[in-house]
Each structure stands twice: as C-alpha cells, then as structure tokens.
Amino acid sequence: MLNLFTGSGVGPTVFYLAVSIFVGLLLSKIKIAKISLGITWVLFVGIALSACGISLNHDMLHVLKEFGLILFVVAVGLQVGPNFFSSFKKGGLSMNLMALVNVALGVLMTIIIAKVAKQDLADMAGVYTGAITNTPGLSAAQQAVTDLGIEGASERLAAGYAVAYPLAVVGMIVTCILLRPLCRIDLAKESTVLAEAAVNSQRSTASAKKGGFLLIPIFVIIAIGIIIGSIPIPVGMKAPIKLGLAGGPLVVAIIGGWLGVKKGWFSTEFTEGQGVHALREVGIALFLAGVGLGAGGQFVNTVQEHYMWVVYGVFITMVPPLIVATFGRLVLKMNYYTLMGFIGGSHTDPPTLAFANTVAPEGCKLPNMGYATVYPLTMFLRIFTAQLLVLLAV
C-alpha cells in the first residue's frame, strides 16, 4: 500500500496526476476580486506535489502530458475548423501580422536582456522558450546546441525553461486581466454583443438531427497530425524545423473540421458537441498536471539559484502581448474575447485559452477562433526563433 505513495510505477504516477487535477479543479472555484485562475490551479498543485519530492515514472508522465496536449489541440482545431478559413475575412490576416510582431518583440527583448544583464544568450534561449511556454521550441534549441557541440548547454536550456514556465502561464492570464482597465473594456457590453450568437449556437446544436461522439475522426486526425508534425522543414540552419506533436495535429484538426463539415462527413453537432468539449478539458487537465509534476524536486533550488531568470521571463512573457493586444483593441477595435485567444495562441499557451473560455459567455467561440487563427504560424516562428537565439550565441 505504501508503494502507492512512494513508488515510481504506473500506480503512483496516475494517482498523483488525479490528485493534481481534482484538487486543482476544486481550487479553480476560488475567486479573488472576482477573478479566478481557473484550471491553471492544476499546474500549481502539480508543482507543489513535485516540490515535496514524490517519485514518479517520468517516461509515463511525459507520454500522458503530451497526449493530453494533443487531445486539447485536436479538440480546439475541430471546434474552430468549420469557420476557420472564413475568419481570415474577419481579421485573420491582421491577427497573424500581430502575432509576427509579438514574436519579434519577444526575441528582441531576449537579446536586449542578455546584453544588458550580461547573460549567455544560449541560456536566455531557454528562458525565452519557458516565457512563451513553447516546449517544441525548447527541444529545437536543445537539438541545436547538441549539433553545435556546446557542453552543458542543453541542461541550462532546460533549467531556464523550467524556471520561466510557471510564471509565464500566470503572466499571460494577468496580461488578459490587465487589458481590461488598460483599454477600458466593459465585460457587460462585450457579453451583450455575444449573447445572441451563443443562444443561436445552442439552438443550432439542439436542433441537429444527427448526434454521437465519434472517436474515429479524432484518432485519424491524431495519427495524420503526428506524421505531419514530424516532417522536418529545412530552413538553412543546422537543425530543421518541425510543427511538432502539438502543431501537426492542430493543423490537421482545423482542416479536418472545415473539410468534414463542408463535405458532410460529420455535422457541426460533432465539432461543437459536449464530447469534443469534454475532450478539450480532459486534455488540458492532463497537460497541466504533467507539466507541474514534471517540474521536479529541484524546482525550488533552481529558482533560488537563477531567480533573475524568473524576472527576465516575466518581462518576455507580458510586455510584447500587452503592447500588441492594446494596439489590437484601441486601433483595430478587436473583440476582447478574441484578443484573449490571440494572446494564448501567440504564446502557444493552452492554459490562457482555457482561462479565456471561462471568462467568455457560454457558447462563445471567439477565444478558440483567436487562438487557432495564430497558433500554426506562431508555432513555426517560435521554433525557428528559439534555434536562432542559440545560433546568435555562438
């Protein structure tokens, strides 16, 4: 019985995953000044458990974490797919240009911080990937330093990522919150605009003739998506770029959702139904719990040793999206719920999208649309720039 709590097998790993998720979900009900961090609490419960020195099967934890992320992005892709391409007529191009500027500002800030604070740019590449919560970018940067033969750099990259990641998740949610007073956003008015659309969406779903949660399309999308995400894209550097385990399935899910509804392979009741919604929530919960539990018992020591990396990461996380999103709101007059999705997508951060969906009215798809519209381009740019920072360091 004791092995259930102290062992490192399958049982303890699943047990602590479950504890992280259900305790985190209970804490997500807590509101301070009418603001809740929502499902992000799952991440912090996982970190707290990890800091207590529990033993886990990290190979299994990694698989569950990545599978959770895949389920999440596939669900998001299916939900926004039917209207994805038409969204480009309603600001999609503008949002991707904003995402490009957001990435450029993040890279520029990283380089400036490295020079001013006299930090190794290769180490700062790790902080950068953590500050933008981009695991594929970290992997690409580690592959780059390995190819370049830089000793110990891979471990320092991972340390920078681990230190910056947790506060980056909070930082992006805080960015969404700060945007309200900064741009004088009235949620009541914003909600009124979307209320009718939400009701119509619910009526449409309720009146659909065909139902059922079909698993076959889900796993077909996952299989094809992993193949697409694994294709190396040469860009004239020592390490090729890949869409990865998240980017590939998301792209295929978006196309599958659009094509499936257009061709009549499945109805919008499938893409908008409770089954896909549940898949999304289970996926993000597994991912956040896995990230938290995988932080390791050395997390606190790493923060103490490199506490300034945490500060640098917060700046890289928050300043670029605050600038770009403020421009989007004040100049382009973009909807607040769309902007929250944009902030999450431009940092490839699922927890921000999960938070946006808790703030938006029920049935509102704008956060998902904003997220998915910029995610594919952003994923490519984040992977590329992480490798670029390493190459600039040598």
Protein backbone atom coordinates (compact mmCIF):
# COMPACT_ATOMS: atom_id res chain seq x y z
CA MET A 1 0.00 0.00 0.00
CA LEU A 2 2.87 2.35 0.85
CA ASN A 3 4.26 1.93 -2.68
CA LEU A 4 1.18 3.76 -3.99
CA PHE A 5 2.53 6.95 -2.42
CA THR A 6 6.29 6.41 -2.52
CA GLY A 7 6.88 4.19 -5.57
CA SER A 8 7.69 5.30 -9.10
CA GLY A 9 5.48 2.92 -11.04
CA VAL A 10 2.28 3.35 -13.03
CA GLY A 11 0.01 3.46 -9.96
CA PRO A 12 1.70 6.39 -8.16
CA THR A 13 2.03 8.35 -11.39
CA VAL A 14 -1.68 8.08 -12.23
CA PHE A 15 -2.58 8.67 -8.57
CA TYR A 16 -0.69 11.97 -8.35
CA LEU A 17 -2.00 13.04 -11.76
CA ALA A 18 -5.53 12.50 -10.49
CA VAL A 19 -4.81 14.34 -7.23
CA SER A 20 -3.30 17.29 -9.10
CA ILE A 21 -6.33 17.53 -11.37
CA PHE A 22 -9.17 17.17 -8.87
CA VAL A 23 -7.55 19.40 -6.22
CA GLY A 24 -6.67 21.96 -8.89
CA LEU A 25 -10.23 21.94 -10.22
CA LEU A 26 -11.59 22.45 -6.70
CA LEU A 27 -9.25 25.40 -6.16
CA SER A 28 -10.28 26.81 -9.55
CA LYS A 29 -13.59 27.79 -7.96
CA ILE A 30 -11.78 30.32 -5.77
CA LYS A 31 -12.13 33.93 -6.89
CA ILE A 32 -10.13 36.91 -5.66
CA ALA A 33 -11.62 40.29 -6.59
CA LYS A 34 -13.99 38.36 -8.90
CA ILE A 35 -11.01 36.87 -10.76
CA SER A 36 -10.14 33.17 -10.88
CA LEU A 37 -7.07 31.48 -12.36
CA GLY A 38 -9.35 28.63 -13.39
CA ILE A 39 -7.82 25.35 -14.47
CA THR A 40 -4.30 26.81 -14.12
CA TRP A 41 -4.51 25.73 -10.48
CA VAL A 42 -3.89 22.18 -11.70
CA LEU A 43 -0.39 23.28 -12.73
CA PHE A 44 0.40 24.75 -9.31
CA VAL A 45 -0.90 21.75 -7.39
CA GLY A 46 1.35 19.58 -9.57
CA ILE A 47 4.35 21.82 -8.85
CA ALA A 48 3.60 21.72 -5.11
CA LEU A 49 3.42 17.91 -5.12
CA SER A 50 6.59 17.71 -7.18
CA ALA A 51 8.43 20.01 -4.77
CA CYS A 52 7.59 17.57 -1.96
CA GLY A 53 9.93 15.07 -3.60
CA ILE A 54 7.44 12.44 -4.78
CA SER A 55 8.73 9.67 -7.05
CA LEU A 56 7.11 9.25 -10.45
CA ASN A 57 7.61 7.35 -13.67
CA HIS A 58 8.72 10.32 -15.75
CA ASP A 59 8.59 8.45 -19.05
CA MET A 60 4.94 7.65 -18.47
CA LEU A 61 4.30 11.18 -17.20
CA HIS A 62 5.80 12.61 -20.37
CA VAL A 63 3.59 10.41 -22.56
CA LEU A 64 0.43 11.38 -20.67
CA LYS A 65 1.36 15.06 -20.74
CA GLU A 66 1.98 15.09 -24.48
CA PHE A 67 -1.12 13.01 -25.18
CA GLY A 68 -3.17 15.46 -23.14
CA LEU A 69 -1.80 18.36 -25.18
CA ILE A 70 -2.61 16.51 -28.41
CA LEU A 71 -6.21 15.88 -27.28
CA PHE A 72 -6.56 19.55 -26.36
CA VAL A 73 -5.31 21.00 -29.66
CA VAL A 74 -7.32 18.46 -31.70
CA ALA A 75 -10.49 19.49 -29.86
CA VAL A 76 -9.71 23.19 -30.39
CA GLY A 77 -8.99 22.57 -34.07
CA LEU A 78 -12.28 20.72 -34.57
CA GLN A 79 -14.24 23.44 -32.79
CA VAL A 80 -12.86 26.29 -34.90
CA GLY A 81 -12.26 24.36 -38.14
CA PRO A 82 -15.68 24.85 -39.79
CA ASN A 83 -15.31 28.66 -39.64
CA PHE A 84 -11.53 28.94 -39.64
CA PHE A 85 -10.88 29.98 -43.24
CA SER A 86 -13.80 32.40 -43.32
CA SER A 87 -12.29 34.07 -40.24
CA PHE A 88 -9.46 35.43 -42.38
CA LYS A 89 -12.03 37.72 -43.99
CA LYS A 90 -12.81 39.00 -40.50
CA GLY A 91 -9.35 39.90 -39.23
CA GLY A 92 -7.33 36.69 -39.55
CA LEU A 93 -4.61 38.35 -41.61
CA SER A 94 -4.37 41.22 -39.13
CA MET A 95 -4.07 38.81 -36.22
CA ASN A 96 -1.26 36.86 -37.88
CA LEU A 97 0.62 40.10 -38.58
CA MET A 98 0.13 41.00 -34.92
CA ALA A 99 1.45 37.56 -33.95
CA LEU A 100 4.53 38.16 -36.11
CA VAL A 101 5.19 41.46 -34.35
CA ASN A 102 4.61 39.80 -30.97
CA VAL A 103 7.22 37.13 -31.71
CA ALA A 104 9.71 39.72 -32.98
CA LEU A 105 9.29 41.82 -29.82
CA GLY A 106 9.87 38.75 -27.64
CA VAL A 107 13.08 37.87 -29.46
CA LEU A 108 14.27 41.48 -29.34
CA MET A 109 13.61 41.69 -25.59
CA THR A 110 15.52 38.44 -25.03
CA ILE A 111 18.56 39.76 -26.90
CA ILE A 112 18.44 43.12 -25.10
CA ILE A 113 18.15 41.46 -21.67
CA ALA A 114 21.07 39.15 -22.48
CA LYS A 115 23.28 42.11 -23.44
CA VAL A 116 22.26 44.45 -20.61
CA ALA A 117 22.29 41.78 -17.87
CA LYS A 118 25.40 40.11 -19.34
CA GLN A 119 23.66 36.75 -19.67
CA ASP A 120 24.67 33.99 -22.06
CA LEU A 121 22.26 34.22 -25.00
CA ALA A 122 22.12 30.41 -25.22
CA ASP A 123 20.91 30.30 -21.59
CA MET A 124 18.42 33.06 -22.36
CA ALA A 125 17.07 30.94 -25.22
CA GLY A 126 15.88 28.52 -22.52
CA VAL A 127 14.27 31.35 -20.56
CA TYR A 128 12.67 32.54 -23.81
CA THR A 129 11.09 29.15 -24.55
CA GLY A 130 9.76 28.95 -20.99
CA ALA A 131 8.45 32.52 -21.10
CA ILE A 132 6.47 31.68 -24.26
CA THR A 133 5.54 28.20 -22.91
CA ASN A 134 6.82 26.53 -26.05
CA THR A 135 8.14 23.01 -25.45
CA PRO A 136 8.86 22.28 -29.15
CA GLY A 137 10.98 25.44 -29.19
CA LEU A 138 12.98 24.13 -26.22
CA SER A 139 13.50 20.79 -27.97
CA ALA A 140 14.65 22.56 -31.13
CA ALA A 141 17.08 24.74 -29.16
CA GLN A 142 18.47 21.70 -27.34
CA GLN A 143 18.97 19.92 -30.65
CA ALA A 144 20.78 22.99 -31.97
CA VAL A 145 23.24 23.17 -29.04
CA THR A 146 23.82 19.42 -29.32
CA ASP A 147 24.62 19.75 -33.04
CA LEU A 148 26.95 22.65 -32.23
CA GLY A 149 28.69 20.64 -29.50
CA ILE A 150 28.13 23.18 -26.70
CA GLU A 151 28.74 21.25 -23.46
CA GLY A 152 26.19 21.61 -20.67
CA ALA A 153 24.07 23.99 -22.72
CA SER A 154 21.19 21.55 -23.09
CA GLU A 155 20.79 21.25 -19.31
CA ARG A 156 20.96 25.04 -18.85
CA LEU A 157 18.32 25.48 -21.55
CA ALA A 158 16.03 23.08 -19.68
CA ALA A 159 16.68 24.91 -16.40
CA GLY A 160 15.81 28.27 -17.96
CA TYR A 161 12.63 26.81 -19.42
CA ALA A 162 11.55 25.23 -16.13
CA VAL A 163 12.15 28.42 -14.14
CA ALA A 164 10.28 30.71 -16.54
CA TYR A 165 7.37 28.44 -17.48
CA PRO A 166 5.12 28.50 -14.37
CA LEU A 167 5.05 32.30 -14.01
CA ALA A 168 4.65 32.61 -17.78
CA VAL A 169 1.32 30.78 -17.51
CA VAL A 170 0.19 33.19 -14.80
CA GLY A 171 1.74 36.16 -16.62
CA MET A 172 -0.35 35.64 -19.74
CA ILE A 173 -3.53 35.36 -17.72
CA VAL A 174 -2.58 38.52 -15.83
CA THR A 175 -1.96 40.17 -19.21
CA CYS A 176 -5.52 39.31 -20.24
CA ILE A 177 -6.78 40.77 -16.97
CA LEU A 178 -4.66 43.96 -17.21
CA LEU A 179 -6.01 44.54 -20.69
CA ARG A 180 -9.45 45.31 -19.22
CA PRO A 181 -8.56 48.51 -17.31
CA LEU A 182 -5.83 49.45 -19.78
CA CYS A 183 -8.29 49.53 -22.68
CA ARG A 184 -11.37 50.34 -20.56
CA ILE A 185 -13.12 47.13 -21.53
CA ASP A 186 -16.64 46.66 -20.20
CA LEU A 187 -17.31 42.93 -19.97
CA ALA A 188 -21.03 43.52 -19.67
CA LYS A 189 -21.13 45.27 -23.03
CA GLU A 190 -18.83 42.71 -24.55
CA SER A 191 -21.09 39.91 -23.30
CA THR A 192 -24.23 41.61 -24.64
CA VAL A 193 -22.81 41.57 -28.16
CA LEU A 194 -22.19 37.83 -27.98
CA ALA A 195 -25.26 36.68 -26.08
CA GLU A 196 -27.46 36.26 -29.16
CA ALA A 197 -24.76 34.34 -31.02
CA ALA A 198 -24.36 31.99 -28.06
CA VAL A 199 -28.10 31.29 -27.91
CA ASN A 200 -28.27 30.68 -31.66
CA SER A 201 -25.33 28.30 -31.41
CA GLN A 202 -27.07 26.34 -28.66
CA ARG A 203 -30.32 26.19 -30.64
CA SER A 204 -28.48 25.02 -33.73
CA THR A 205 -26.80 22.27 -31.79
CA ALA A 206 -30.00 21.23 -30.11
CA SER A 207 -31.89 21.06 -33.38
CA ALA A 208 -29.32 18.93 -35.17
CA LYS A 209 -30.72 15.59 -36.31
CA LYS A 210 -27.53 13.57 -36.17
CA GLY A 211 -25.59 13.10 -32.93
CA GLY A 212 -22.99 10.95 -31.25
CA PHE A 213 -19.40 11.44 -30.23
CA LEU A 214 -17.36 9.77 -32.95
CA LEU A 215 -13.91 8.60 -31.89
CA ILE A 216 -12.76 7.51 -35.34
CA PRO A 217 -12.20 11.06 -36.72
CA ILE A 218 -10.34 12.02 -33.53
CA PHE A 219 -7.74 9.29 -33.82
CA VAL A 220 -7.43 9.59 -37.60
CA ILE A 221 -6.61 13.28 -37.07
CA ILE A 222 -4.09 12.43 -34.33
CA ALA A 223 -2.33 9.84 -36.48
CA ILE A 224 -2.07 12.09 -39.55
CA GLY A 225 -1.20 15.09 -37.39
CA ILE A 226 1.75 13.35 -35.76
CA ILE A 227 3.08 12.40 -39.19
CA ILE A 228 2.72 15.99 -40.43
CA GLY A 229 4.26 17.37 -37.23
CA SER A 230 7.28 15.09 -37.60
CA ILE A 231 8.22 16.24 -41.10
CA PRO A 232 11.47 18.25 -40.94
CA ILE A 233 11.37 21.60 -42.71
CA PRO A 234 14.87 22.72 -43.80
CA VAL A 235 15.45 26.43 -43.26
CA GLY A 236 19.14 26.70 -43.99
CA MET A 237 20.18 26.05 -40.37
CA LYS A 238 21.90 23.11 -38.71
CA ALA A 239 18.61 21.89 -37.19
CA PRO A 240 15.42 21.62 -39.25
CA ILE A 241 12.10 22.99 -38.01
CA LYS A 242 9.08 20.80 -37.25
CA LEU A 243 5.49 21.62 -36.30
CA GLY A 244 5.82 19.04 -33.54
CA LEU A 245 3.31 16.94 -31.61
CA ALA A 246 1.06 19.94 -30.98
CA GLY A 247 1.32 21.93 -34.20
CA GLY A 248 0.79 18.99 -36.57
CA PRO A 249 -2.44 17.65 -35.01
CA LEU A 250 -3.82 21.20 -34.66
CA VAL A 251 -3.32 21.97 -38.35
CA VAL A 252 -4.88 18.64 -39.39
CA ALA A 253 -7.79 19.13 -36.95
CA ILE A 254 -8.53 22.60 -38.35
CA ILE A 255 -8.52 21.28 -41.93
CA GLY A 256 -10.45 18.17 -40.87
CA GLY A 257 -13.10 20.21 -39.08
CA TRP A 258 -13.53 22.52 -42.06
CA LEU A 259 -13.49 19.80 -44.71
CA GLY A 260 -15.55 17.33 -42.68
CA VAL A 261 -18.46 19.72 -42.22
CA LYS A 262 -18.20 21.04 -45.79
CA LYS A 263 -18.27 17.54 -47.28
CA GLY A 264 -20.89 16.26 -44.87
CA TRP A 265 -18.65 13.60 -43.30
CA PHE A 266 -19.88 14.75 -39.91
CA SER A 267 -22.15 17.50 -38.63
CA THR A 268 -21.44 20.64 -36.62
CA GLU A 269 -23.08 18.82 -33.73
CA PHE A 270 -19.94 16.69 -33.62
CA THR A 271 -17.47 19.62 -33.73
CA GLU A 272 -19.48 21.76 -31.31
CA GLY A 273 -20.86 19.00 -29.10
CA GLN A 274 -20.20 18.10 -25.48
CA GLY A 275 -17.93 15.21 -26.50
CA VAL A 276 -15.31 17.45 -28.14
CA HIS A 277 -15.68 19.95 -25.29
CA ALA A 278 -15.02 17.21 -22.73
CA LEU A 279 -12.03 16.03 -24.77
CA ARG A 280 -10.60 19.56 -24.66
CA GLU A 281 -10.98 19.84 -20.88
CA VAL A 282 -9.53 16.39 -20.15
CA GLY A 283 -6.61 17.13 -22.46
CA ILE A 284 -5.65 20.44 -20.86
CA ALA A 285 -6.02 18.98 -17.36
CA LEU A 286 -3.63 16.11 -18.18
CA PHE A 287 -1.17 18.51 -19.78
CA LEU A 288 -1.09 20.97 -16.87
CA ALA A 289 -0.82 18.22 -14.26
CA GLY A 290 2.02 16.63 -16.24
CA VAL A 291 3.92 19.92 -16.53
CA GLY A 292 3.55 20.61 -12.81
CA LEU A 293 4.52 17.12 -11.65
CA GLY A 294 7.42 17.06 -14.10
CA ALA A 295 8.93 20.24 -12.67
CA GLY A 296 10.99 18.04 -10.37
CA GLY A 297 12.10 18.29 -6.77
CA GLN A 298 14.89 20.68 -7.80
CA PHE A 299 12.44 23.34 -8.96
CA VAL A 300 12.75 25.46 -5.80
CA ASN A 301 16.56 25.21 -5.81
CA THR A 302 16.69 26.20 -9.46
CA VAL A 303 14.55 29.27 -8.80
CA GLN A 304 16.77 30.27 -5.87
CA GLU A 305 19.92 29.89 -7.93
CA HIS A 306 18.60 31.70 -11.02
CA TYR A 307 15.91 33.95 -9.57
CA MET A 308 16.67 36.72 -12.07
CA TRP A 309 15.72 34.35 -14.88
CA VAL A 310 12.22 34.41 -13.41
CA VAL A 311 12.17 38.23 -13.65
CA TYR A 312 13.51 38.20 -17.20
CA GLY A 313 10.92 35.60 -18.16
CA VAL A 314 8.05 37.71 -16.81
CA PHE A 315 9.14 40.67 -18.97
CA ILE A 316 9.42 38.48 -22.08
CA THR A 317 6.02 36.95 -21.31
CA MET A 318 3.99 40.07 -20.58
CA VAL A 319 5.40 43.13 -22.34
CA PRO A 320 5.06 42.08 -26.03
CA PRO A 321 1.44 40.82 -25.82
CA LEU A 322 0.39 43.85 -23.76
CA ILE A 323 1.74 46.17 -26.47
CA VAL A 324 0.31 44.20 -29.39
CA ALA A 325 -3.06 43.43 -27.79
CA THR A 326 -3.52 47.07 -26.75
CA PHE A 327 -2.92 48.06 -30.37
CA GLY A 328 -5.42 45.41 -31.48
CA ARG A 329 -8.07 46.74 -29.14
CA LEU A 330 -7.59 50.50 -29.47
CA VAL A 331 -6.63 50.73 -33.14
CA LEU A 332 -8.17 47.64 -34.78
CA LYS A 333 -11.17 47.56 -32.39
CA MET A 334 -10.85 43.80 -31.86
CA ASN A 335 -13.19 41.93 -29.52
CA TYR A 336 -11.78 41.27 -26.05
CA TYR A 337 -12.59 37.55 -26.13
CA THR A 338 -10.82 37.22 -29.48
CA LEU A 339 -7.80 39.07 -28.04
CA MET A 340 -7.58 36.68 -25.09
CA GLY A 341 -7.50 33.77 -27.54
CA PHE A 342 -4.91 35.66 -29.59
CA ILE A 343 -2.68 36.12 -26.53
CA GLY A 344 -2.84 32.39 -25.79
CA GLY A 345 -2.25 31.41 -29.42
CA SER A 346 0.61 33.86 -29.96
CA HIS A 347 2.39 32.24 -26.99
CA THR A 348 1.20 28.70 -27.85
CA ASP A 349 -0.24 28.55 -24.34
CA PRO A 350 -3.31 26.32 -23.78
CA PRO A 351 -3.95 27.50 -20.16
CA THR A 352 -4.59 31.05 -21.39
CA LEU A 353 -7.20 29.74 -23.81
CA ALA A 354 -8.75 27.68 -21.00
CA PHE A 355 -8.92 30.85 -18.87
CA ALA A 356 -10.42 32.84 -21.77
CA ASN A 357 -13.14 30.22 -22.18
CA THR A 358 -14.09 30.53 -18.51
CA VAL A 359 -14.42 34.32 -18.89
CA ALA A 360 -16.32 34.29 -22.20
CA PRO A 361 -20.09 33.65 -22.27
CA GLU A 362 -21.17 30.06 -22.74
CA GLY A 363 -21.24 29.13 -26.41
CA CYS A 364 -18.84 31.89 -27.45
CA LYS A 365 -16.24 30.59 -29.91
CA LEU A 366 -14.21 33.79 -30.23
CA PRO A 367 -11.38 32.78 -27.83
CA ASN A 368 -10.95 29.47 -29.69
CA MET A 369 -11.01 31.26 -33.03
CA GLY A 370 -8.41 33.82 -31.97
CA TYR A 371 -6.19 31.06 -30.57
CA ALA A 372 -6.35 28.74 -33.57
CA THR A 373 -6.00 31.54 -36.14
CA VAL A 374 -2.49 32.49 -35.00
CA TYR A 375 -1.29 29.21 -33.47
CA PRO A 376 0.14 27.47 -36.59
CA LEU A 377 2.23 30.47 -37.74
CA THR A 378 3.28 31.21 -34.16
CA MET A 379 4.39 27.64 -33.55
CA PHE A 380 6.61 27.77 -36.63
CA LEU A 381 8.06 31.15 -35.63
CA ARG A 382 8.69 30.16 -32.01
CA ILE A 383 10.56 27.00 -33.02
CA PHE A 384 12.58 28.96 -35.56
CA THR A 385 13.46 31.84 -33.22
CA ALA A 386 14.48 29.51 -30.37
CA GLN A 387 17.08 27.99 -32.68
CA LEU A 388 18.02 31.42 -34.00
CA LEU A 389 18.88 32.65 -30.48
CA VAL A 390 21.21 29.67 -29.99
CA LEU A 391 22.95 30.33 -33.31
CA LEU A 392 23.37 34.01 -32.43
CA ALA A 393 25.05 32.97 -29.18
CA VAL A 394 27.95 31.21 -30.91
